[in-house]
N, C-alpha and C. Protein backbone atom coordinates (compact mmCIF):
# COMPACT_ATOMS: atom_id res chain seq x y z
N MET A 1 -15.02 34.51 5.01
CA MET A 1 -14.39 33.44 4.95
C MET A 1 -14.21 32.97 4.14
N SER A 2 -13.00 32.49 3.47
CA SER A 2 -12.46 32.02 2.17
C SER A 2 -13.45 30.53 1.92
N ARG A 3 -12.83 30.39 0.64
CA ARG A 3 -13.69 29.12 0.30
C ARG A 3 -12.31 27.91 0.21
N GLU A 4 -11.48 28.07 0.60
CA GLU A 4 -10.25 27.28 0.55
C GLU A 4 -10.83 26.17 1.37
N THR A 5 -10.04 25.03 0.59
CA THR A 5 -10.27 23.64 0.93
C THR A 5 -9.13 22.80 1.62
N THR A 6 -8.04 23.31 1.42
CA THR A 6 -6.67 22.88 1.58
C THR A 6 -6.13 23.66 2.82
N TYR A 7 -5.61 22.81 4.02
CA TYR A 7 -5.04 23.49 5.14
C TYR A 7 -3.98 24.22 4.48
N VAL A 8 -3.12 24.35 3.71
CA VAL A 8 -2.02 25.30 3.29
C VAL A 8 -2.98 26.75 2.67
N GLY A 9 -3.95 26.38 2.08
CA GLY A 9 -4.87 27.51 1.76
C GLY A 9 -5.36 27.95 2.95
N LYS A 10 -6.11 27.41 3.92
CA LYS A 10 -6.90 27.88 5.04
C LYS A 10 -5.96 28.59 5.75
N LEU A 11 -4.64 27.72 5.82
CA LEU A 11 -3.52 28.57 6.53
C LEU A 11 -3.42 29.88 6.28
N GLY A 12 -3.24 30.30 4.94
CA GLY A 12 -2.88 31.14 4.39
C GLY A 12 -3.94 32.86 4.43
N SER A 13 -5.15 31.71 4.54
CA SER A 13 -6.16 32.85 4.44
C SER A 13 -6.57 33.41 6.15
N LEU A 14 -6.33 32.66 6.99
CA LEU A 14 -5.79 33.17 8.32
C LEU A 14 -4.95 33.57 8.96
N GLN A 15 -3.70 33.69 8.34
CA GLN A 15 -2.45 34.19 8.09
C GLN A 15 -2.66 35.91 8.15
N LYS A 16 -3.44 35.99 6.78
CA LYS A 16 -3.52 37.12 5.92
C LYS A 16 -4.47 38.10 7.12
N PHE A 17 -5.33 37.36 7.60
CA PHE A 17 -6.75 37.88 8.55
C PHE A 17 -6.08 38.20 9.78
N ARG A 18 -4.93 37.32 10.55
CA ARG A 18 -4.12 37.68 11.80
C ARG A 18 -3.49 39.30 11.55
N ASP A 19 -2.55 38.93 10.34
CA ASP A 19 -2.09 40.59 10.06
C ASP A 19 -2.65 41.55 10.16
N SER A 20 -3.59 41.25 9.88
CA SER A 20 -5.01 42.55 9.49
C SER A 20 -5.76 42.81 11.12
N LEU A 21 -5.76 41.71 11.47
CA LEU A 21 -6.17 42.23 12.83
C LEU A 21 -4.93 42.95 13.72
N LYS A 22 -3.85 42.31 13.72
CA LYS A 22 -2.68 43.26 14.32
C LYS A 22 -2.25 44.25 14.14
N THR A 23 -2.48 44.64 12.76
CA THR A 23 -2.40 46.30 12.24
C THR A 23 -3.27 46.76 12.83
N ASN A 24 -4.43 46.37 12.71
CA ASN A 24 -5.91 47.68 13.49
C ASN A 24 -5.66 46.98 14.79
N SER A 25 -5.02 46.59 15.68
CA SER A 25 -5.39 46.08 17.19
C SER A 25 -5.57 47.27 18.00
N GLY A 26 -5.51 48.57 17.69
CA GLY A 26 -5.84 49.83 18.00
C GLY A 26 -6.90 49.87 18.35
N ASN A 27 -7.44 50.17 16.84
CA ASN A 27 -8.93 50.15 16.81
C ASN A 27 -10.03 49.25 17.17
N LEU A 28 -9.40 47.98 17.84
CA LEU A 28 -10.19 47.17 18.25
C LEU A 28 -9.65 46.35 19.78
N PRO A 29 -9.95 47.46 20.86
CA PRO A 29 -9.30 47.03 22.22
C PRO A 29 -9.93 46.00 22.86
N ASN A 30 -11.59 45.68 22.61
CA ASN A 30 -12.16 45.09 22.95
C ASN A 30 -11.71 43.52 22.80
N LEU A 31 -11.60 43.68 21.51
CA LEU A 31 -11.32 42.29 20.60
C LEU A 31 -9.57 41.68 21.07
N GLU A 32 -8.91 42.29 21.95
CA GLU A 32 -7.70 42.01 22.00
C GLU A 32 -7.25 40.29 22.82
N GLY A 33 -8.03 40.25 23.67
CA GLY A 33 -7.93 38.86 24.55
C GLY A 33 -8.20 37.97 23.42
N HIS A 34 -9.29 37.66 22.41
CA HIS A 34 -9.59 36.82 21.50
C HIS A 34 -8.61 36.85 20.33
N ARG A 35 -8.26 38.37 19.89
CA ARG A 35 -6.90 38.39 19.19
C ARG A 35 -5.95 37.67 19.56
N THR A 36 -5.14 37.45 20.79
CA THR A 36 -4.01 36.88 20.82
C THR A 36 -4.46 35.21 21.02
N GLN A 37 -5.18 35.52 21.52
CA GLN A 37 -5.75 33.70 21.37
C GLN A 37 -5.78 32.99 20.11
N PHE A 38 -6.47 33.96 18.95
CA PHE A 38 -6.16 33.70 17.62
C PHE A 38 -5.08 33.40 17.22
N GLU A 39 -4.42 34.36 17.48
CA GLU A 39 -2.47 34.57 16.77
C GLU A 39 -1.63 33.56 17.41
N ALA A 40 -2.34 32.73 18.50
CA ALA A 40 -1.75 31.33 19.07
C ALA A 40 -2.16 30.38 18.20
N LEU A 41 -3.25 30.48 18.02
CA LEU A 41 -3.86 28.87 17.27
C LEU A 41 -3.15 28.88 15.80
N VAL A 42 -3.08 30.44 15.05
CA VAL A 42 -2.71 30.25 13.66
C VAL A 42 -1.34 30.19 13.71
N THR A 43 -0.36 30.38 14.91
CA THR A 43 0.83 29.76 14.87
C THR A 43 1.19 28.53 15.20
N LYS A 44 0.03 27.76 16.00
CA LYS A 44 0.15 26.37 16.31
C LYS A 44 -0.29 25.51 14.94
N ALA A 45 -0.83 25.98 13.80
CA ALA A 45 -1.61 25.43 13.16
C ALA A 45 -0.58 25.44 12.18
N GLN A 46 0.60 26.63 11.92
CA GLN A 46 1.57 26.95 11.02
C GLN A 46 2.53 26.12 11.16
N GLU A 47 2.51 25.74 12.70
CA GLU A 47 3.96 24.58 13.17
C GLU A 47 3.34 23.13 12.93
N LEU A 48 2.50 23.12 13.03
CA LEU A 48 1.49 21.67 13.08
C LEU A 48 1.78 21.40 11.23
N THR A 49 1.46 22.30 10.38
CA THR A 49 1.95 22.30 9.08
C THR A 49 2.74 21.53 8.65
N THR A 50 3.98 22.60 8.90
CA THR A 50 5.48 22.28 8.77
C THR A 50 5.66 20.77 9.28
N ARG A 51 5.36 20.36 10.37
CA ARG A 51 5.57 19.07 11.10
C ARG A 51 4.84 18.22 9.83
N GLN A 52 3.97 18.12 9.80
CA GLN A 52 3.13 17.44 9.05
C GLN A 52 3.70 17.26 7.46
N ALA A 53 4.18 18.73 7.03
CA ALA A 53 5.09 18.25 5.89
C ALA A 53 6.39 17.35 6.19
N ALA A 54 7.02 17.87 6.89
CA ALA A 54 8.23 16.85 7.29
C ALA A 54 7.97 15.51 7.50
N LEU A 55 6.90 15.37 8.39
CA LEU A 55 6.76 13.70 8.63
C LEU A 55 6.44 12.97 7.04
N ALA A 56 5.32 13.94 6.26
CA ALA A 56 5.13 13.24 4.90
C ALA A 56 6.44 12.48 4.32
N ALA A 57 7.55 13.71 4.12
CA ALA A 57 8.42 13.52 3.86
C ALA A 57 9.23 12.33 4.70
N GLU A 58 9.39 12.35 5.68
CA GLU A 58 9.96 11.02 6.20
C GLU A 58 9.00 9.59 6.24
N LYS A 59 8.13 10.16 5.52
CA LYS A 59 7.37 8.56 5.64
C LYS A 59 7.59 7.76 4.12
N GLN A 60 7.71 9.19 3.33
CA GLN A 60 7.90 8.20 2.00
C GLN A 60 9.49 7.92 1.83
N ASP A 61 10.60 8.47 2.83
CA ASP A 61 11.81 7.85 3.18
C ASP A 61 11.70 6.27 3.74
N VAL A 62 11.17 6.20 5.06
CA VAL A 62 11.07 5.08 5.26
C VAL A 62 10.23 4.25 4.50
N SER A 63 9.55 4.48 3.61
CA SER A 63 8.52 3.59 2.83
C SER A 63 9.36 3.24 1.60
N GLN A 64 10.43 4.11 1.51
CA GLN A 64 11.32 3.42 0.26
C GLN A 64 12.41 2.57 0.64
N GLN A 65 12.87 3.17 2.06
CA GLN A 65 13.83 1.92 3.28
C GLN A 65 13.03 0.49 3.26
N LEU A 66 11.60 0.81 3.59
CA LEU A 66 10.81 -0.46 3.71
C LEU A 66 11.18 -1.79 2.22
N LYS A 67 10.88 -1.03 1.25
CA LYS A 67 10.52 -1.65 0.25
C LYS A 67 11.85 -2.32 -0.26
N GLU A 68 13.07 -1.58 -0.28
CA GLU A 68 14.32 -2.25 -0.33
C GLU A 68 14.63 -3.08 0.75
N ALA A 69 14.47 -3.13 1.52
CA ALA A 69 14.70 -4.25 3.01
C ALA A 69 13.80 -5.22 2.07
N PHE A 70 12.63 -5.29 2.14
CA PHE A 70 11.70 -6.09 1.61
C PHE A 70 12.27 -7.14 0.06
N ILE A 71 12.73 -6.43 -0.77
CA ILE A 71 13.51 -7.12 -1.86
C ILE A 71 14.58 -7.58 -1.83
N GLU A 72 15.76 -7.28 -0.39
CA GLU A 72 16.93 -7.71 0.10
C GLU A 72 16.54 -9.17 0.76
N ALA A 73 14.92 -8.85 1.61
CA ALA A 73 15.04 -10.25 2.20
C ALA A 73 14.82 -11.10 0.93
N GLU A 74 13.93 -11.10 0.29
CA GLU A 74 13.00 -11.54 -0.63
C GLU A 74 14.53 -12.86 -1.50
N ARG A 75 15.46 -11.72 -1.91
CA ARG A 75 16.21 -12.27 -2.65
C ARG A 75 17.20 -13.08 -1.48
N LEU A 76 17.44 -12.72 -0.64
CA LEU A 76 18.39 -13.80 0.09
C LEU A 76 17.58 -15.13 0.93
N GLY A 77 16.20 -14.72 0.38
CA GLY A 77 15.01 -15.91 1.19
C GLY A 77 15.14 -16.90 0.26
N THR A 78 15.24 -16.24 -1.51
CA THR A 78 15.02 -17.42 -2.31
C THR A 78 16.65 -18.32 -2.37
N VAL A 79 17.85 -17.76 -1.76
CA VAL A 79 18.83 -18.18 -1.68
C VAL A 79 18.94 -19.32 -1.14
N LEU A 80 18.71 -18.77 0.26
CA LEU A 80 18.43 -19.85 1.29
C LEU A 80 17.71 -20.91 1.40
N ARG A 81 16.54 -20.69 0.64
CA ARG A 81 15.24 -22.15 -0.09
C ARG A 81 16.30 -22.90 -0.89
N PHE A 82 17.06 -22.18 -1.82
CA PHE A 82 17.88 -23.34 -2.75
C PHE A 82 19.17 -24.03 -1.64
N GLY A 83 19.43 -23.17 -0.78
CA GLY A 83 20.68 -23.66 0.16
C GLY A 83 19.83 -25.30 0.71
N VAL A 84 18.75 -25.00 1.02
CA VAL A 84 18.20 -25.93 2.08
C VAL A 84 17.61 -27.42 1.41
N LYS A 85 16.88 -26.75 0.22
CA LYS A 85 16.91 -28.09 -0.71
C LYS A 85 18.24 -28.78 -1.26
N GLN A 86 18.96 -27.78 -1.43
CA GLN A 86 20.56 -28.59 -1.65
C GLN A 86 21.10 -29.38 -0.03
N GLN A 87 20.78 -28.86 0.77
CA GLN A 87 21.21 -29.47 1.98
C GLN A 87 20.79 -31.28 2.29
N PHE A 88 19.30 -30.72 2.01
CA PHE A 88 18.33 -32.22 2.39
C PHE A 88 17.87 -32.91 1.33
N GLY A 89 18.05 -32.25 -0.03
CA GLY A 89 17.45 -32.83 -1.35
C GLY A 89 16.23 -32.38 -1.47
N ILE A 90 15.91 -32.41 -2.98
CA ILE A 90 14.60 -32.18 -3.26
C ILE A 90 13.61 -32.88 -3.10
N ARG A 91 13.45 -34.11 -2.46
CA ARG A 91 12.59 -35.09 -2.35
C ARG A 91 12.11 -35.29 -0.69
N ALA A 92 13.28 -34.73 -0.04
CA ALA A 92 13.21 -34.82 1.33
C ALA A 92 11.89 -34.10 1.98
N GLU A 93 11.11 -34.96 2.98
CA GLU A 93 9.71 -34.39 3.63
C GLU A 93 10.59 -33.41 4.53
N LYS A 94 11.50 -33.31 4.96
CA LYS A 94 11.89 -31.93 5.90
C LYS A 94 11.91 -30.55 5.42
N LEU A 95 11.78 -30.61 4.15
CA LEU A 95 11.44 -29.11 3.33
C LEU A 95 9.95 -28.98 3.86
N ALA A 96 9.43 -29.86 4.12
CA ALA A 96 7.88 -29.31 4.47
C ALA A 96 8.06 -28.13 6.02
N GLU A 97 8.93 -28.21 6.59
CA GLU A 97 9.08 -27.91 7.95
C GLU A 97 9.77 -26.36 7.54
N PHE A 98 9.89 -25.84 6.22
CA PHE A 98 10.43 -25.04 5.71
C PHE A 98 9.58 -23.99 4.59
N SER A 99 8.09 -24.72 4.80
CA SER A 99 7.21 -24.41 4.00
C SER A 99 7.56 -24.29 2.26
N LEU A 100 8.44 -25.63 2.10
CA LEU A 100 8.85 -25.64 0.37
C LEU A 100 8.04 -27.11 0.66
N GLN A 101 8.07 -26.90 -0.65
CA GLN A 101 7.34 -28.34 -1.47
C GLN A 101 8.15 -29.37 -1.93
N PRO A 102 8.05 -30.01 -1.00
CA PRO A 102 9.51 -31.66 -1.50
C PRO A 102 8.79 -32.17 -3.00
N PHE A 103 9.87 -32.57 -3.85
CA PHE A 103 9.28 -33.04 -5.03
C PHE A 103 8.78 -34.21 -4.64
N ARG A 104 7.65 -34.79 -5.45
CA ARG A 104 7.36 -36.14 -4.99
C ARG A 104 6.81 -36.56 -6.42
N GLY A 105 7.27 -36.45 -7.43
CA GLY A 105 7.24 -37.07 -8.90
C GLY A 105 5.96 -36.31 -9.21
N ARG A 106 6.06 -36.91 -10.87
CA ARG A 106 5.25 -36.33 -11.46
C ARG A 106 3.61 -37.24 -11.81
N ARG A 107 2.47 -36.31 -11.75
CA ARG A 107 1.29 -37.27 -12.01
C ARG A 107 1.82 -37.87 -13.08
N LYS A 108 0.97 -39.37 -13.08
CA LYS A 108 0.89 -39.71 -14.42
C LYS A 108 -0.30 -39.49 -15.37
N ALA A 109 -0.23 -38.84 -16.46
CA ALA A 109 -0.79 -38.01 -17.51
C ALA A 109 -1.83 -39.14 -17.36
N ALA A 110 -3.03 -38.95 -17.48
CA ALA A 110 -4.01 -39.44 -17.23
C ALA A 110 -4.48 -40.38 -18.98
N VAL A 111 -4.89 -41.20 -19.18
CA VAL A 111 -4.38 -42.04 -20.39
C VAL A 111 -6.24 -41.63 -20.90
N VAL A 112 -6.27 -41.21 -22.16
CA VAL A 112 -7.68 -41.01 -22.45
C VAL A 112 -8.03 -42.12 -23.43
N ALA A 113 -8.99 -43.05 -23.01
CA ALA A 113 -8.99 -43.94 -23.67
C ALA A 113 -10.20 -43.53 -24.76
N LYS A 114 -9.68 -43.89 -25.82
CA LYS A 114 -10.84 -43.67 -26.91
C LYS A 114 -11.55 -44.63 -27.41
N THR A 115 -12.95 -44.62 -27.18
CA THR A 115 -13.83 -46.04 -27.68
C THR A 115 -13.84 -45.77 -29.15
N PRO A 116 -13.49 -47.22 -29.65
CA PRO A 116 -13.90 -47.16 -31.12
C PRO A 116 -15.32 -47.08 -31.63
N PRO A 117 -15.62 -46.44 -32.38
CA PRO A 117 -17.29 -46.34 -32.60
C PRO A 117 -17.82 -47.72 -32.82
N THR A 118 -18.73 -47.77 -32.42
CA THR A 118 -19.63 -49.19 -33.04
C THR A 118 -20.03 -48.81 -34.41
N VAL A 119 -20.25 -50.24 -34.93
CA VAL A 119 -20.27 -50.60 -36.36
C VAL A 119 -21.55 -50.05 -36.74
N GLY A 120 -22.74 -50.59 -35.85
CA GLY A 120 -24.16 -50.56 -36.52
C GLY A 120 -24.93 -49.61 -35.56
N SER A 121 -23.95 -48.34 -35.16
CA SER A 121 -24.73 -47.48 -34.38
C SER A 121 -25.31 -46.56 -35.52
N PRO A 122 -26.76 -46.32 -35.33
CA PRO A 122 -27.76 -45.14 -36.31
C PRO A 122 -26.84 -43.66 -35.90
N LEU A 123 -26.69 -43.01 -36.38
CA LEU A 123 -26.17 -41.61 -36.61
C LEU A 123 -27.42 -40.97 -35.90
N PRO A 124 -27.44 -39.65 -35.28
CA PRO A 124 -28.42 -39.50 -35.07
C PRO A 124 -29.22 -38.28 -35.84
N ALA A 125 -30.59 -38.66 -35.96
CA ALA A 125 -31.08 -38.01 -36.58
C ALA A 125 -31.62 -36.87 -36.55
N GLU A 126 -31.23 -36.05 -38.10
CA GLU A 126 -31.39 -34.59 -38.12
C GLU A 126 -32.72 -33.92 -38.02
N PRO A 127 -33.07 -33.29 -37.71
CA PRO A 127 -34.35 -32.47 -37.12
C PRO A 127 -34.68 -32.13 -38.45
N SER A 128 -36.21 -31.97 -38.89
CA SER A 128 -36.58 -32.20 -39.84
C SER A 128 -37.40 -30.25 -39.90
N LYS A 129 -37.54 -29.97 -41.28
CA LYS A 129 -37.64 -28.45 -40.68
C LYS A 129 -39.09 -28.18 -41.38
């Protein structure tokens, strides 16, 4: 048996073995029933491999179409969001129904009060070495 790990490689080995069995079927009459069963399984494997390749190509095509549909939907969604904001105004609480954040003003910047240094405060002592 071969050491192939891919289905395509295994299929090639099986087809080669099938062809050898078919060529020598006269010398192996006691294996005829198993040979025909084996031939049917190899044919089925070949058909499934072909189908799998076709589905992989179709999956790539569908993935590309899905990507394009999402891009177009996001673009149109952006336009519609701006339309909703224009219709109701940027401060309207109605925007929350559309999962949009109404403008509620800016927060006041926190005024950092600088405390003037006290005149008589001692400086921290430096550690002696």
